[in-house]
PDB file of N, CA and C in Angstrom:
ATOM      1  N   MET A   1      99.755  78.434 103.392  1.00  0.00           N
ATOM      2  CA  MET A   1      98.610  77.180 103.189  1.00  0.00           C
ATOM      3  C   MET A   1      97.780  76.920 104.507  1.00  0.00           C
ATOM      4  N   ALA A   2      98.808  77.008 105.726  1.00  0.00           N
ATOM      5  CA  ALA A   2      98.348  76.804 106.679  1.00  0.00           C
ATOM      6  C   ALA A   2      96.676  77.572 107.082  1.00  0.00           C
ATOM      7  N   LEU A   3      97.154  78.739 106.737  1.00  0.00           N
ATOM      8  CA  LEU A   3      95.807  79.692 107.071  1.00  0.00           C
ATOM      9  C   LEU A   3      94.440  79.166 106.385  1.00  0.00           C
ATOM     10  N   LEU A   4      94.667  78.676 104.973  1.00  0.00           N
ATOM     11  CA  LEU A   4      93.500  78.041 104.234  1.00  0.00           C
ATOM     12  C   LEU A   4      93.170  76.911 105.090  1.00  0.00           C
ATOM     13  N   GLU A   5      94.004  76.068 105.690  1.00  0.00           N
ATOM     14  CA  GLU A   5      93.369  74.725 106.375  1.00  0.00           C
ATOM     15  C   GLU A   5      92.849  75.059 107.650  1.00  0.00           C
ATOM     16  N   THR A   6      93.214  76.030 108.189  1.00  0.00           N
ATOM     17  CA  THR A   6      92.641  76.364 109.669  1.00  0.00           C
ATOM     18  C   THR A   6      91.772  77.299 109.712  1.00  0.00           C
ATOM     19  N   GLN A   7      91.539  78.150 108.624  1.00  0.00           N
ATOM     20  CA  GLN A   7      90.472  78.971 108.530  1.00  0.00           C
ATOM     21  C   GLN A   7      89.635  78.917 107.053  1.00  0.00           C
ATOM     22  N   PRO A   8      89.390  77.889 106.636  1.00  0.00           N
ATOM     23  CA  PRO A   8      88.783  77.485 105.234  1.00  0.00           C
ATOM     24  C   PRO A   8      87.506  78.621 105.051  1.00  0.00           C
ATOM     25  N   GLU A   9      86.913  79.168 106.209  1.00  0.00           N
ATOM     26  CA  GLU A   9      85.667  80.026 105.922  1.00  0.00           C
ATOM     27  C   GLU A   9      86.128  81.322 105.927  1.00  0.00           C
ATOM     28  N   ALA A  10      87.180  81.653 105.800  1.00  0.00           N
ATOM     29  CA  ALA A  10      87.768  83.308 106.001  1.00  0.00           C
ATOM     30  C   ALA A  10      87.716  84.106 104.605  1.00  0.00           C
ATOM     31  N   ARG A  11      86.819  85.010 104.472  1.00  0.00           N
ATOM     32  CA  ARG A  11      86.685  85.869 103.443  1.00  0.00           C
ATOM     33  C   ARG A  11      87.639  86.450 102.715  1.00  0.00           C
ATOM     34  N   GLU A  12      88.746  86.543 103.609  1.00  0.00           N
ATOM     35  CA  GLU A  12      90.001  87.366 103.057  1.00  0.00           C
ATOM     36  C   GLU A  12      91.196  86.772 103.752  1.00  0.00           C
ATOM     37  N   ILE A  13      92.241  86.259 103.127  1.00  0.00           N
ATOM     38  CA  ILE A  13      93.516  86.007 103.535  1.00  0.00           C
ATOM     39  C   ILE A  13      94.453  86.848 102.991  1.00  0.00           C
ATOM     40  N   LEU A  14      95.329  87.736 103.706  1.00  0.00           N
ATOM     41  CA  LEU A  14      96.326  88.599 103.260  1.00  0.00           C
ATOM     42  C   LEU A  14      97.741  88.590 103.604  1.00  0.00           C
ATOM     43  N   VAL A  15      98.653  88.140 102.638  1.00  0.00           N
ATOM     44  CA  VAL A  15     100.002  88.174 103.142  1.00  0.00           C
ATOM     45  C   VAL A  15     100.574  89.557 103.648  1.00  0.00           C
ATOM     46  N   ASP A  16     101.453  89.487 104.516  1.00  0.00           N
ATOM     47  CA  ASP A  16     101.937  90.564 105.204  1.00  0.00           C
ATOM     48  C   ASP A  16     102.475  91.475 104.159  1.00  0.00           C
ATOM     49  N   ALA A  17     102.801  91.420 103.025  1.00  0.00           N
ATOM     50  CA  ALA A  17     103.387  92.276 102.016  1.00  0.00           C
ATOM     51  C   ALA A  17     102.026  93.277 101.383  1.00  0.00           C
ATOM     52  N   VAL A  18     101.111  92.900 101.532  1.00  0.00           N
ATOM     53  CA  VAL A  18      99.896  93.599 100.945  1.00  0.00           C
ATOM     54  C   VAL A  18      99.138  94.406 101.867  1.00  0.00           C
ATOM     55  N   LYS A  19      99.431  93.970 103.359  1.00  0.00           N
ATOM     56  CA  LYS A  19      98.664  94.845 104.273  1.00  0.00           C
ATOM     57  C   LYS A  19      98.875  96.307 104.287  1.00  0.00           C
ATOM     58  N   PHE A  20     100.008  96.723 103.952  1.00  0.00           N
ATOM     59  CA  PHE A  20     100.315  98.279 103.779  1.00  0.00           C
ATOM     60  C   PHE A  20      99.349  98.968 103.046  1.00  0.00           C
ATOM     61  N   LEU A  21      98.991  98.228 101.816  1.00  0.00           N
ATOM     62  CA  LEU A  21      97.806  98.755 100.853  1.00  0.00           C
ATOM     63  C   LEU A  21      96.412  98.601 101.437  1.00  0.00           C
ATOM     64  N   ARG A  22      96.130  97.474 101.755  1.00  0.00           N
ATOM     65  CA  ARG A  22      94.939  97.261 102.171  1.00  0.00           C
ATOM     66  C   ARG A  22      94.278  97.861 103.005  1.00  0.00           C
ATOM     67  N   PHE A  23      95.013  98.195 103.979  1.00  0.00           N
ATOM     68  CA  PHE A  23      94.456  99.013 104.980  1.00  0.00           C
ATOM     69  C   PHE A  23      94.749 100.639 105.034  1.00  0.00           C
ATOM     70  N   SER A  24      95.627 101.276 103.919  1.00  0.00           N
ATOM     71  CA  SER A  24      95.925 102.534 103.915  1.00  0.00           C
ATOM     72  C   SER A  24      94.863 103.469 103.889  1.00  0.00           C
ATOM     73  N   GLU A  25      93.541 103.069 103.161  1.00  0.00           N
ATOM     74  CA  GLU A  25      92.594 104.080 103.081  1.00  0.00           C
ATOM     75  C   GLU A  25      91.980 104.134 104.571  1.00  0.00           C
ATOM     76  N   ILE A  26      91.634 103.387 105.331  1.00  0.00           N
ATOM     77  CA  ILE A  26      91.192 103.406 106.410  1.00  0.00           C
ATOM     78  C   ILE A  26      92.262 104.263 107.560  1.00  0.00           C
ATOM     79  N   GLU A  27      93.620 104.035 107.012  1.00  0.00           N
ATOM     80  CA  GLU A  27      94.522 104.633 108.131  1.00  0.00           C
ATOM     81  C   GLU A  27      95.035 106.009 107.602  1.00  0.00           C
ATOM     82  N   ASN A  28      94.056 106.497 106.438  1.00  0.00           N
ATOM     83  CA  ASN A  28      94.264 107.707 105.980  1.00  0.00           C
ATOM     84  C   ASN A  28      95.685 107.965 105.234  1.00  0.00           C
ATOM     85  N   ARG A  29      96.205 107.026 104.514  1.00  0.00           N
ATOM     86  CA  ARG A  29      97.567 107.110 103.944  1.00  0.00           C
ATOM     87  C   ARG A  29      97.537 106.408 102.643  1.00  0.00           C
ATOM     88  N   TYR A  30      96.361 106.523 101.782  1.00  0.00           N
ATOM     89  CA  TYR A  30      96.283 106.070 100.619  1.00  0.00           C
ATOM     90  C   TYR A  30      96.920 106.596  99.563  1.00  0.00           C
ATOM     91  N   ASP A  31      97.142 108.011  99.450  1.00  0.00           N
ATOM     92  CA  ASP A  31      98.162 108.505  98.495  1.00  0.00           C
ATOM     93  C   ASP A  31      99.555 108.177  98.627  1.00  0.00           C
ATOM     94  N   GLU A  32      99.918 108.139  99.805  1.00  0.00           N
ATOM     95  CA  GLU A  32     101.382 107.493 100.276  1.00  0.00           C
ATOM     96  C   GLU A  32     101.566 106.145  99.738  1.00  0.00           C
ATOM     97  N   ALA A  33     100.675 105.266 100.046  1.00  0.00           N
ATOM     98  CA  ALA A  33     100.877 103.954  99.633  1.00  0.00           C
ATOM     99  C   ALA A  33     100.590 103.777  98.130  1.00  0.00           C
ATOM    100  N   ILE A  34      99.972 104.541  97.345  1.00  0.00           N
ATOM    101  CA  ILE A  34     100.004 104.461  95.845  1.00  0.00           C
ATOM    102  C   ILE A  34     101.203 104.836  95.311  1.00  0.00           C
ATOM    103  N   ALA A  35     101.613 106.031  96.086  1.00  0.00           N
ATOM    104  CA  ALA A  35     102.977 106.678  95.578  1.00  0.00           C
ATOM    105  C   ALA A  35     104.320 105.519  95.631  1.00  0.00           C
ATOM    106  N   ALA A  36     104.162 104.822  96.662  1.00  0.00           N
ATOM    107  CA  ALA A  36     105.169 103.881  96.968  1.00  0.00           C
ATOM    108  C   ALA A  36     105.316 102.987  95.978  1.00  0.00           C
ATOM    109  N   LEU A  37     104.287 102.506  95.203  1.00  0.00           N
ATOM    110  CA  LEU A  37     103.976 101.529  94.444  1.00  0.00           C
ATOM    111  C   LEU A  37     104.357 102.175  92.912  1.00  0.00           C
ATOM    112  N   ASN A  38     104.062 103.365  92.772  1.00  0.00           N
ATOM    113  CA  ASN A  38     104.292 104.167  91.421  1.00  0.00           C
ATOM    114  C   ASN A  38     104.864 105.387  91.435  1.00  0.00           C
ATOM    115  N   PRO A  39     106.016 105.255  91.202  1.00  0.00           N
ATOM    116  CA  PRO A  39     106.864 106.628  91.193  1.00  0.00           C
ATOM    117  C   PRO A  39     106.140 108.015  90.366  1.00  0.00           C
ATOM    118  N   SER A  40     105.639 107.512  89.173  1.00  0.00           N
ATOM    119  CA  SER A  40     104.978 108.659  88.640  1.00  0.00           C
ATOM    120  C   SER A  40     103.763 109.479  89.276  1.00  0.00           C
ATOM    121  N   VAL A  41     103.267 108.688  90.351  1.00  0.00           N
ATOM    122  CA  VAL A  41     102.105 109.189  91.104  1.00  0.00           C
ATOM    123  C   VAL A  41     102.953 110.036  92.226  1.00  0.00           C
ATOM    124  N   LYS A  42     104.351 109.675  92.648  1.00  0.00           N
ATOM    125  CA  LYS A  42     104.663 110.316  93.757  1.00  0.00           C
ATOM    126  C   LYS A  42     104.731 111.894  93.524  1.00  0.00           C
ATOM    127  N   LEU A  43     105.021 112.023  92.367  1.00  0.00           N
ATOM    128  CA  LEU A  43     105.233 113.292  91.845  1.00  0.00           C
ATOM    129  C   LEU A  43     104.006 114.350  92.110  1.00  0.00           C
ATOM    130  N   LYS A  44     102.966 113.755  91.472  1.00  0.00           N
ATOM    131  CA  LYS A  44     101.691 114.387  91.835  1.00  0.00           C
ATOM    132  C   LYS A  44     101.188 114.588  93.206  1.00  0.00           C
ATOM    133  N   VAL A  45     101.468 113.750  94.254  1.00  0.00           N
ATOM    134  CA  VAL A  45     101.389 113.730  95.469  1.00  0.00           C
ATOM    135  C   VAL A  45     102.108 114.592  96.175  1.00  0.00           C
ATOM    136  N   ALA A  46     103.284 114.913  95.888  1.00  0.00           N
ATOM    137  CA  ALA A  46     104.202 115.749  96.457  1.00  0.00           C
ATOM    138  C   ALA A  46     104.007 117.223  95.972  1.00  0.00           C
ATOM    139  N   ASP A  47     103.118 117.440  94.840  1.00  0.00           N
ATOM    140  CA  ASP A  47     102.645 118.770  94.441  1.00  0.00           C
ATOM    141  C   ASP A  47     101.514 119.213  95.267  1.00  0.00           C
ATOM    142  N   ARG A  48     100.785 118.607  96.099  1.00  0.00           N
ATOM    143  CA  ARG A  48      99.646 118.878  97.015  1.00  0.00           C
ATOM    144  C   ARG A  48     100.308 120.144  97.827  1.00  0.00           C
TER     145      ARG A  48
END
């Protein structure tokens, strides 16, 4: 809540828990991030 009070004009406020997914495409690890969230995707990624 302090972030909302100190930065009310912020376009995006992220909690630490979602940063791995938010920046995964930029960091070229999107497939791995999705696989971490969904085990059924993990099998498809491993088949590459």
